[in-house]
PDB file of N, CA and C in Angstrom:
ATOM      1  N   MET A   1     106.739  88.805 108.751  1.00  0.00           N
ATOM      2  CA  MET A   1     108.724  89.176 108.194  1.00  0.00           C
ATOM      3  C   MET A   1     109.641  87.929 108.044  1.00  0.00           C
ATOM      4  N   ILE A   2     110.245  87.930 107.636  1.00  0.00           N
ATOM      5  CA  ILE A   2     111.339  87.596 107.478  1.00  0.00           C
ATOM      6  C   ILE A   2     112.348  87.662 108.397  1.00  0.00           C
ATOM      7  N   GLY A   3     112.713  88.327 108.700  1.00  0.00           N
ATOM      8  CA  GLY A   3     113.329  89.420 109.884  1.00  0.00           C
ATOM      9  C   GLY A   3     112.556  89.074 111.189  1.00  0.00           C
ATOM     10  N   ASP A   4     110.805  89.282 111.598  1.00  0.00           N
ATOM     11  CA  ASP A   4     110.463  89.130 112.466  1.00  0.00           C
ATOM     12  C   ASP A   4     110.506  87.763 113.514  1.00  0.00           C
ATOM     13  N   PHE A   5     110.061  86.932 112.136  1.00  0.00           N
ATOM     14  CA  PHE A   5     110.349  85.201 112.701  1.00  0.00           C
ATOM     15  C   PHE A   5     111.657  84.760 112.892  1.00  0.00           C
ATOM     16  N   ILE A   6     112.653  84.754 112.165  1.00  0.00           N
ATOM     17  CA  ILE A   6     113.976  84.695 112.616  1.00  0.00           C
ATOM     18  C   ILE A   6     113.949  85.160 114.541  1.00  0.00           C
ATOM     19  N   ARG A   7     113.869  86.569 114.611  1.00  0.00           N
ATOM     20  CA  ARG A   7     113.961  87.287 115.468  1.00  0.00           C
ATOM     21  C   ARG A   7     113.065  86.716 116.728  1.00  0.00           C
ATOM     22  N   THR A   8     112.206  86.050 116.291  1.00  0.00           N
ATOM     23  CA  THR A   8     111.200  85.712 117.177  1.00  0.00           C
ATOM     24  C   THR A   8     112.457  83.669 117.546  1.00  0.00           C
ATOM     25  N   TYR A   9     112.235  82.923 117.138  1.00  0.00           N
ATOM     26  CA  TYR A   9     112.448  81.577 117.141  1.00  0.00           C
ATOM     27  C   TYR A   9     114.322  81.781 116.980  1.00  0.00           C
ATOM     28  N   ARG A  10     115.154  82.731 117.177  1.00  0.00           N
ATOM     29  CA  ARG A  10     116.275  82.130 117.018  1.00  0.00           C
ATOM     30  C   ARG A  10     117.189  81.866 118.653  1.00  0.00           C
ATOM     31  N   HIS A  11     116.777  82.068 119.704  1.00  0.00           N
ATOM     32  CA  HIS A  11     117.345  81.704 120.778  1.00  0.00           C
ATOM     33  C   HIS A  11     117.010  79.992 120.863  1.00  0.00           C
ATOM     34  N   ARG A  12     115.602  79.499 119.941  1.00  0.00           N
ATOM     35  CA  ARG A  12     115.052  78.663 119.732  1.00  0.00           C
ATOM     36  C   ARG A  12     115.998  77.270 118.871  1.00  0.00           C
ATOM     37  N   PHE A  13     116.607  78.087 118.705  1.00  0.00           N
ATOM     38  CA  PHE A  13     117.430  77.048 116.471  1.00  0.00           C
ATOM     39  C   PHE A  13     117.791  77.813 116.343  1.00  0.00           C
ATOM     40  N   GLY A  14     118.645  79.757 117.020  1.00  0.00           N
ATOM     41  CA  GLY A  14     119.949  79.902 115.851  1.00  0.00           C
ATOM     42  C   GLY A  14     120.081  80.351 114.874  1.00  0.00           C
ATOM     43  N   VAL A  15     120.151  81.720 114.141  1.00  0.00           N
ATOM     44  CA  VAL A  15     120.379  82.222 113.151  1.00  0.00           C
ATOM     45  C   VAL A  15     120.852  80.819 112.497  1.00  0.00           C
ATOM     46  N   GLU A  16     121.774  80.790 112.128  1.00  0.00           N
ATOM     47  CA  GLU A  16     122.112  80.492 111.332  1.00  0.00           C
ATOM     48  C   GLU A  16     121.097  79.224 111.079  1.00  0.00           C
ATOM     49  N   PRO A  17     120.930  78.395 111.680  1.00  0.00           N
ATOM     50  CA  PRO A  17     119.828  76.834 111.176  1.00  0.00           C
ATOM     51  C   PRO A  17     118.562  77.601 110.742  1.00  0.00           C
ATOM     52  N   ILE A  18     118.583  77.957 110.134  1.00  0.00           N
ATOM     53  CA  ILE A  18     117.373  78.574 110.182  1.00  0.00           C
ATOM     54  C   ILE A  18     117.028  79.253 108.886  1.00  0.00           C
ATOM     55  N   CYS A  19     118.435  80.142 108.958  1.00  0.00           N
ATOM     56  CA  CYS A  19     118.429  80.363 107.473  1.00  0.00           C
ATOM     57  C   CYS A  19     118.668  79.970 106.245  1.00  0.00           C
ATOM     58  N   ALA A  20     119.493  78.213 106.578  1.00  0.00           N
ATOM     59  CA  ALA A  20     119.477  77.103 106.348  1.00  0.00           C
ATOM     60  C   ALA A  20     117.988  76.155 105.864  1.00  0.00           C
ATOM     61  N   THR A  21     117.704  76.905 106.208  1.00  0.00           N
ATOM     62  CA  THR A  21     116.233  76.380 105.849  1.00  0.00           C
ATOM     63  C   THR A  21     115.501  76.968 105.646  1.00  0.00           C
ATOM     64  N   LEU A  22     115.598  78.412 105.454  1.00  0.00           N
ATOM     65  CA  LEU A  22     115.328  78.729 104.874  1.00  0.00           C
ATOM     66  C   LEU A  22     114.976  79.395 103.847  1.00  0.00           C
ATOM     67  N   SER A  23     116.555  79.258 103.138  1.00  0.00           N
ATOM     68  CA  SER A  23     117.543  78.705 102.447  1.00  0.00           C
ATOM     69  C   SER A  23     117.116  77.432 100.985  1.00  0.00           C
ATOM     70  N   ALA A  24     116.844  76.444 101.785  1.00  0.00           N
ATOM     71  CA  ALA A  24     116.227  75.374 101.413  1.00  0.00           C
ATOM     72  C   ALA A  24     115.216  75.196 100.781  1.00  0.00           C
ATOM     73  N   HIS A  25     114.270  75.899 101.525  1.00  0.00           N
ATOM     74  CA  HIS A  25     112.921  76.706 100.831  1.00  0.00           C
ATOM     75  C   HIS A  25     112.271  77.137  99.596  1.00  0.00           C
ATOM     76  N   GLY A  26     113.439  77.586  99.372  1.00  0.00           N
ATOM     77  CA  GLY A  26     114.174  79.356  98.249  1.00  0.00           C
ATOM     78  C   GLY A  26     113.355  80.939  99.384  1.00  0.00           C
ATOM     79  N   ILE A  27     114.216  80.610 100.394  1.00  0.00           N
ATOM     80  CA  ILE A  27     114.102  81.552 100.588  1.00  0.00           C
ATOM     81  C   ILE A  27     115.089  82.785 101.870  1.00  0.00           C
ATOM     82  N   THR A  28     116.376  82.785 100.375  1.00  0.00           N
ATOM     83  CA  THR A  28     117.357  83.360 100.285  1.00  0.00           C
ATOM     84  C   THR A  28     117.835  84.566 101.042  1.00  0.00           C
ATOM     85  N   ILE A  29     118.974  83.779 102.522  1.00  0.00           N
ATOM     86  CA  ILE A  29     118.281  85.102 103.478  1.00  0.00           C
ATOM     87  C   ILE A  29     119.850  84.760 104.517  1.00  0.00           C
ATOM     88  N   ALA A  30     120.713  85.340 104.149  1.00  0.00           N
ATOM     89  CA  ALA A  30     121.877  85.138 104.723  1.00  0.00           C
ATOM     90  C   ALA A  30     121.872  85.571 106.350  1.00  0.00           C
ATOM     91  N   PRO A  31     122.963  84.738 107.048  1.00  0.00           N
ATOM     92  CA  PRO A  31     123.218  85.407 109.093  1.00  0.00           C
ATOM     93  C   PRO A  31     123.536  86.688 108.620  1.00  0.00           C
ATOM     94  N   SER A  32     124.715  87.243 108.114  1.00  0.00           N
ATOM     95  CA  SER A  32     124.651  88.911 108.380  1.00  0.00           C
ATOM     96  C   SER A  32     123.903  89.688 108.321  1.00  0.00           C
ATOM     97  N   THR A  33     123.038  88.897 106.984  1.00  0.00           N
ATOM     98  CA  THR A  33     122.645  90.720 106.305  1.00  0.00           C
ATOM     99  C   THR A  33     121.083  90.184 107.610  1.00  0.00           C
ATOM    100  N   PHE A  34     120.463  89.235 108.952  1.00  0.00           N
ATOM    101  CA  PHE A  34     119.923  89.404 109.852  1.00  0.00           C
ATOM    102  C   PHE A  34     120.388  90.432 110.470  1.00  0.00           C
ATOM    103  N   TYR A  35     122.006  89.626 110.515  1.00  0.00           N
ATOM    104  CA  TYR A  35     123.190  90.586 111.558  1.00  0.00           C
ATOM    105  C   TYR A  35     122.863  92.480 111.454  1.00  0.00           C
ATOM    106  N   ALA A  36     122.779  92.694 110.314  1.00  0.00           N
ATOM    107  CA  ALA A  36     123.293  93.833 109.927  1.00  0.00           C
ATOM    108  C   ALA A  36     121.769  94.749 109.908  1.00  0.00           C
ATOM    109  N   HIS A  37     120.827  94.101 109.632  1.00  0.00           N
ATOM    110  CA  HIS A  37     119.005  95.083 109.876  1.00  0.00           C
ATOM    111  C   HIS A  37     118.752  94.658 111.053  1.00  0.00           C
ATOM    112  N   GLN A  38     119.780  94.223 111.931  1.00  0.00           N
ATOM    113  CA  GLN A  38     118.987  93.476 113.360  1.00  0.00           C
ATOM    114  C   GLN A  38     119.967  94.865 113.928  1.00  0.00           C
ATOM    115  N   ALA A  39     121.059  94.956 113.818  1.00  0.00           N
ATOM    116  CA  ALA A  39     121.890  95.852 114.739  1.00  0.00           C
ATOM    117  C   ALA A  39     121.934  96.946 114.024  1.00  0.00           C
ATOM    118  N   ARG A  40     120.573  97.828 112.766  1.00  0.00           N
ATOM    119  CA  ARG A  40     120.051  99.289 113.059  1.00  0.00           C
ATOM    120  C   ARG A  40     118.076  98.946 113.151  1.00  0.00           C
ATOM    121  N   ASP A  41     117.993  97.975 113.538  1.00  0.00           N
ATOM    122  CA  ASP A  41     116.694  97.561 113.832  1.00  0.00           C
ATOM    123  C   ASP A  41     115.121  97.409 114.124  1.00  0.00           C
ATOM    124  N   PHE A  42     116.423  96.859 112.334  1.00  0.00           N
ATOM    125  CA  PHE A  42     114.915  96.202 110.994  1.00  0.00           C
ATOM    126  C   PHE A  42     114.316  97.677 109.790  1.00  0.00           C
ATOM    127  N   GLY A  43     115.119  98.490 110.623  1.00  0.00           N
ATOM    128  CA  GLY A  43     113.821  99.834 109.078  1.00  0.00           C
ATOM    129  C   GLY A  43     115.842  99.958 108.424  1.00  0.00           C
ATOM    130  N   PRO A  44     115.061 101.134 107.171  1.00  0.00           N
ATOM    131  CA  PRO A  44     115.925 102.209 106.615  1.00  0.00           C
ATOM    132  C   PRO A  44     116.002 102.694 107.207  1.00  0.00           C
ATOM    133  N   THR A  45     117.449 103.311 106.690  1.00  0.00           N
ATOM    134  CA  THR A  45     118.063 104.341 107.601  1.00  0.00           C
ATOM    135  C   THR A  45     117.575 105.992 107.298  1.00  0.00           C
ATOM    136  N   GLU A  46     117.957 106.558 108.074  1.00  0.00           N
ATOM    137  CA  GLU A  46     117.613 108.176 107.293  1.00  0.00           C
ATOM    138  C   GLU A  46     117.595 108.774 106.234  1.00  0.00           C
ATOM    139  N   ALA A  47     118.572 108.025 105.604  1.00  0.00           N
ATOM    140  CA  ALA A  47     119.558 108.034 104.090  1.00  0.00           C
ATOM    141  C   ALA A  47     118.557 107.873 103.116  1.00  0.00           C
ATOM    142  N   GLU A  48     118.463 106.448 103.629  1.00  0.00           N
ATOM    143  CA  GLU A  48     117.933 105.946 103.027  1.00  0.00           C
ATOM    144  C   GLU A  48     116.088 106.465 102.370  1.00  0.00           C
ATOM    145  N   LEU A  49     115.392 106.636 103.868  1.00  0.00           N
ATOM    146  CA  LEU A  49     113.589 107.298 104.124  1.00  0.00           C
ATOM    147  C   LEU A  49     114.150 108.638 102.745  1.00  0.00           C
ATOM    148  N   ASP A  50     115.237 109.468 103.160  1.00  0.00           N
ATOM    149  CA  ASP A  50     115.500 110.537 102.569  1.00  0.00           C
ATOM    150  C   ASP A  50     115.537 111.146 100.801  1.00  0.00           C
ATOM    151  N   GLU A  51     116.358 109.723 100.629  1.00  0.00           N
ATOM    152  CA  GLU A  51     116.490 109.789  99.415  1.00  0.00           C
ATOM    153  C   GLU A  51     114.757 108.744  98.508  1.00  0.00           C
ATOM    154  N   ALA A  52     114.539 107.990  99.616  1.00  0.00           N
ATOM    155  CA  ALA A  52     112.654 107.137  98.816  1.00  0.00           C
ATOM    156  C   ALA A  52     111.818 108.328  98.626  1.00  0.00           C
ATOM    157  N   TYR A  53     111.749 109.724 100.000  1.00  0.00           N
ATOM    158  CA  TYR A  53     110.789 110.870  99.668  1.00  0.00           C
ATOM    159  C   TYR A  53     111.417 110.649  98.505  1.00  0.00           C
ATOM    160  N   ALA A  54     112.394 111.614  97.965  1.00  0.00           N
ATOM    161  CA  ALA A  54     112.807 112.466  97.174  1.00  0.00           C
ATOM    162  C   ALA A  54     113.009 111.803  95.693  1.00  0.00           C
ATOM    163  N   ALA A  55     112.650 110.571  95.707  1.00  0.00           N
ATOM    164  CA  ALA A  55     112.389 110.095  94.714  1.00  0.00           C
ATOM    165  C   ALA A  55     110.546 110.297  93.867  1.00  0.00           C
ATOM    166  N   HIS A  56     110.492 109.700  95.172  1.00  0.00           N
ATOM    167  CA  HIS A  56     108.304 110.013  95.361  1.00  0.00           C
ATOM    168  C   HIS A  56     107.434 111.334  94.959  1.00  0.00           C
ATOM    169  N   ARG A  57     109.364 112.440  95.262  1.00  0.00           N
ATOM    170  CA  ARG A  57     108.447 113.523  94.791  1.00  0.00           C
ATOM    171  C   ARG A  57     109.081 114.096  93.809  1.00  0.00           C
ATOM    172  N   ILE A  58     109.908 113.364  92.945  1.00  0.00           N
ATOM    173  CA  ILE A  58     110.075 113.478  91.228  1.00  0.00           C
ATOM    174  C   ILE A  58     109.298 113.367  90.765  1.00  0.00           C
ATOM    175  N   PHE A  59     108.759 112.034  90.563  1.00  0.00           N
ATOM    176  CA  PHE A  59     108.025 111.395  90.340  1.00  0.00           C
ATOM    177  C   PHE A  59     106.519 111.543  90.058  1.00  0.00           C
ATOM    178  N   ARG A  60     106.025 112.284  91.365  1.00  0.00           N
ATOM    179  CA  ARG A  60     104.900 112.611  91.264  1.00  0.00           C
ATOM    180  C   ARG A  60     105.088 113.638  89.973  1.00  0.00           C
ATOM    181  N   LEU A  61     105.981 114.628  90.611  1.00  0.00           N
ATOM    182  CA  LEU A  61     106.477 116.317  89.466  1.00  0.00           C
ATOM    183  C   LEU A  61     106.174 115.032  87.915  1.00  0.00           C
ATOM    184  N   TRP A  62     106.585 114.266  88.036  1.00  0.00           N
ATOM    185  CA  TRP A  62     107.137 113.706  86.261  1.00  0.00           C
ATOM    186  C   TRP A  62     105.837 113.452  86.052  1.00  0.00           C
ATOM    187  N   GLU A  63     105.242 112.388  87.144  1.00  0.00           N
ATOM    188  CA  GLU A  63     103.337 112.746  87.002  1.00  0.00           C
ATOM    189  C   GLU A  63     102.246 113.731  85.976  1.00  0.00           C
ATOM    190  N   ASP A  64     102.297 114.674  87.312  1.00  0.00           N
ATOM    191  CA  ASP A  64     102.325 116.224  86.959  1.00  0.00           C
ATOM    192  C   ASP A  64     102.600 117.112  85.320  1.00  0.00           C
ATOM    193  N   ASN A  65     103.478 116.609  85.094  1.00  0.00           N
ATOM    194  CA  ASN A  65     103.791 117.073  84.058  1.00  0.00           C
ATOM    195  C   ASN A  65     103.945 116.198  83.011  1.00  0.00           C
ATOM    196  N   ARG A  66     102.797 115.749  82.988  1.00  0.00           N
ATOM    197  CA  ARG A  66     101.697 114.586  82.075  1.00  0.00           C
ATOM    198  C   ARG A  66     102.639 113.790  81.354  1.00  0.00           C
ATOM    199  N   LYS A  67     103.764 113.606  82.201  1.00  0.00           N
ATOM    200  CA  LYS A  67     104.965 112.261  81.554  1.00  0.00           C
ATOM    201  C   LYS A  67     106.094 112.441  80.072  1.00  0.00           C
ATOM    202  N   VAL A  68     106.315 113.707  79.974  1.00  0.00           N
ATOM    203  CA  VAL A  68     107.147 114.449  78.717  1.00  0.00           C
ATOM    204  C   VAL A  68     108.877 114.922  80.032  1.00  0.00           C
ATOM    205  N   TYR A  69     108.033 115.699  80.801  1.00  0.00           N
ATOM    206  CA  TYR A  69     109.605 115.831  80.496  1.00  0.00           C
ATOM    207  C   TYR A  69     111.199 115.404  80.644  1.00  0.00           C
ATOM    208  N   GLY A  70     112.337 115.440  80.179  1.00  0.00           N
ATOM    209  CA  GLY A  70     113.343 114.405  80.144  1.00  0.00           C
ATOM    210  C   GLY A  70     113.695 115.107  81.530  1.00  0.00           C
ATOM    211  N   ARG A  71     114.598 114.278  82.065  1.00  0.00           N
ATOM    212  CA  ARG A  71     115.518 115.099  82.930  1.00  0.00           C
ATOM    213  C   ARG A  71     116.592 116.252  82.989  1.00  0.00           C
ATOM    214  N   ARG A  72     116.968 116.503  82.313  1.00  0.00           N
ATOM    215  CA  ARG A  72     116.351 118.397  82.399  1.00  0.00           C
ATOM    216  C   ARG A  72     115.603 119.780  83.539  1.00  0.00           C
ATOM    217  N   LYS A  73     114.222 118.908  81.775  1.00  0.00           N
ATOM    218  CA  LYS A  73     113.170 119.933  82.376  1.00  0.00           C
ATOM    219  C   LYS A  73     112.934 119.339  83.693  1.00  0.00           C
ATOM    220  N   LEU A  74     113.278 118.883  84.017  1.00  0.00           N
ATOM    221  CA  LEU A  74     112.742 117.662  85.387  1.00  0.00           C
ATOM    222  C   LEU A  74     113.044 118.393  86.585  1.00  0.00           C
ATOM    223  N   TRP A  75     114.896 117.679  86.214  1.00  0.00           N
ATOM    224  CA  TRP A  75     115.582 118.657  87.090  1.00  0.00           C
ATOM    225  C   TRP A  75     115.150 120.649  87.080  1.00  0.00           C
ATOM    226  N   LYS A  76     114.998 121.107  86.624  1.00  0.00           N
ATOM    227  CA  LYS A  76     114.400 122.273  86.964  1.00  0.00           C
ATOM    228  C   LYS A  76     112.782 122.567  87.403  1.00  0.00           C
ATOM    229  N   ALA A  77     111.867 121.580  87.688  1.00  0.00           N
ATOM    230  CA  ALA A  77     110.813 121.842  88.333  1.00  0.00           C
ATOM    231  C   ALA A  77     110.574 121.065  89.700  1.00  0.00           C
ATOM    232  N   ALA A  78     111.605 120.665  89.693  1.00  0.00           N
ATOM    233  CA  ALA A  78     112.013 120.369  90.806  1.00  0.00           C
ATOM    234  C   ALA A  78     113.097 121.672  91.748  1.00  0.00           C
ATOM    235  N   ILE A  79     113.527 121.774  91.575  1.00  0.00           N
ATOM    236  CA  ILE A  79     114.683 123.460  92.228  1.00  0.00           C
ATOM    237  C   ILE A  79     113.561 124.473  92.203  1.00  0.00           C
ATOM    238  N   ARG A  80     112.694 124.282  91.337  1.00  0.00           N
ATOM    239  CA  ARG A  80     111.688 124.974  91.328  1.00  0.00           C
ATOM    240  C   ARG A  80     109.997 124.995  92.534  1.00  0.00           C
ATOM    241  N   ASP A  81     110.286 123.679  93.157  1.00  0.00           N
ATOM    242  CA  ASP A  81     109.818 123.127  93.138  1.00  0.00           C
ATOM    243  C   ASP A  81     110.313 123.048  95.226  1.00  0.00           C
ATOM    244  N   GLY A  82     110.726 123.348  94.604  1.00  0.00           N
ATOM    245  CA  GLY A  82     111.841 124.269  96.318  1.00  0.00           C
ATOM    246  C   GLY A  82     112.945 122.968  96.862  1.00  0.00           C
ATOM    247  N   MET A  83     113.576 121.993  95.799  1.00  0.00           N
ATOM    248  CA  MET A  83     113.809 120.564  95.877  1.00  0.00           C
ATOM    249  C   MET A  83     115.483 121.319  95.744  1.00  0.00           C
ATOM    250  N   THR A  84     116.192 120.686  96.831  1.00  0.00           N
ATOM    251  CA  THR A  84     117.972 121.368  96.657  1.00  0.00           C
ATOM    252  C   THR A  84     118.175 119.755  96.019  1.00  0.00           C
ATOM    253  N   ILE A  85     118.539 119.359  94.775  1.00  0.00           N
ATOM    254  CA  ILE A  85     118.976 117.833  94.579  1.00  0.00           C
ATOM    255  C   ILE A  85     118.987 118.294  93.322  1.00  0.00           C
ATOM    256  N   GLY A  86     120.838 117.336  92.923  1.00  0.00           N
ATOM    257  CA  GLY A  86     121.510 117.218  92.433  1.00  0.00           C
ATOM    258  C   GLY A  86     120.716 117.032  90.471  1.00  0.00           C
ATOM    259  N   ARG A  87     120.898 117.244  89.593  1.00  0.00           N
ATOM    260  CA  ARG A  87     120.812 116.972  88.073  1.00  0.00           C
ATOM    261  C   ARG A  87     121.397 115.442  87.792  1.00  0.00           C
ATOM    262  N   ASP A  88     122.289 115.203  88.350  1.00  0.00           N
ATOM    263  CA  ASP A  88     122.540 113.548  88.598  1.00  0.00           C
ATOM    264  C   ASP A  88     121.096 113.086  89.341  1.00  0.00           C
ATOM    265  N   GLN A  89     120.564 113.504  90.111  1.00  0.00           N
ATOM    266  CA  GLN A  89     120.050 112.769  91.161  1.00  0.00           C
ATOM    267  C   GLN A  89     118.445 112.456  90.331  1.00  0.00           C
ATOM    268  N   VAL A  90     118.083 113.364  89.723  1.00  0.00           N
ATOM    269  CA  VAL A  90     117.282 113.105  89.159  1.00  0.00           C
ATOM    270  C   VAL A  90     117.342 112.288  88.274  1.00  0.00           C
ATOM    271  N   GLU A  91     118.842 112.391  87.338  1.00  0.00           N
ATOM    272  CA  GLU A  91     118.254 111.397  86.454  1.00  0.00           C
ATOM    273  C   GLU A  91     118.141 109.354  86.636  1.00  0.00           C
TER     274      GLU A  91
END
């Protein structure tokens, strides 16, 4: 992955020159983005994981109901399924 590449070679070339070279070849990444991800260990935050799991669970509910439920019925189905989620989050 790009972050691993930058992390491996940053001591030899520097983060900014690596990002500039990658940008010249069509892979745009700002040094500040690299540093922000490095500060949180290059993984998603706990909130991002929770949101992704909830979205997947709602998607599975929608598929289980033959993809015909709208946001209101899907929200009620999510509540019946034990999720504590707002209607706006289902939307």
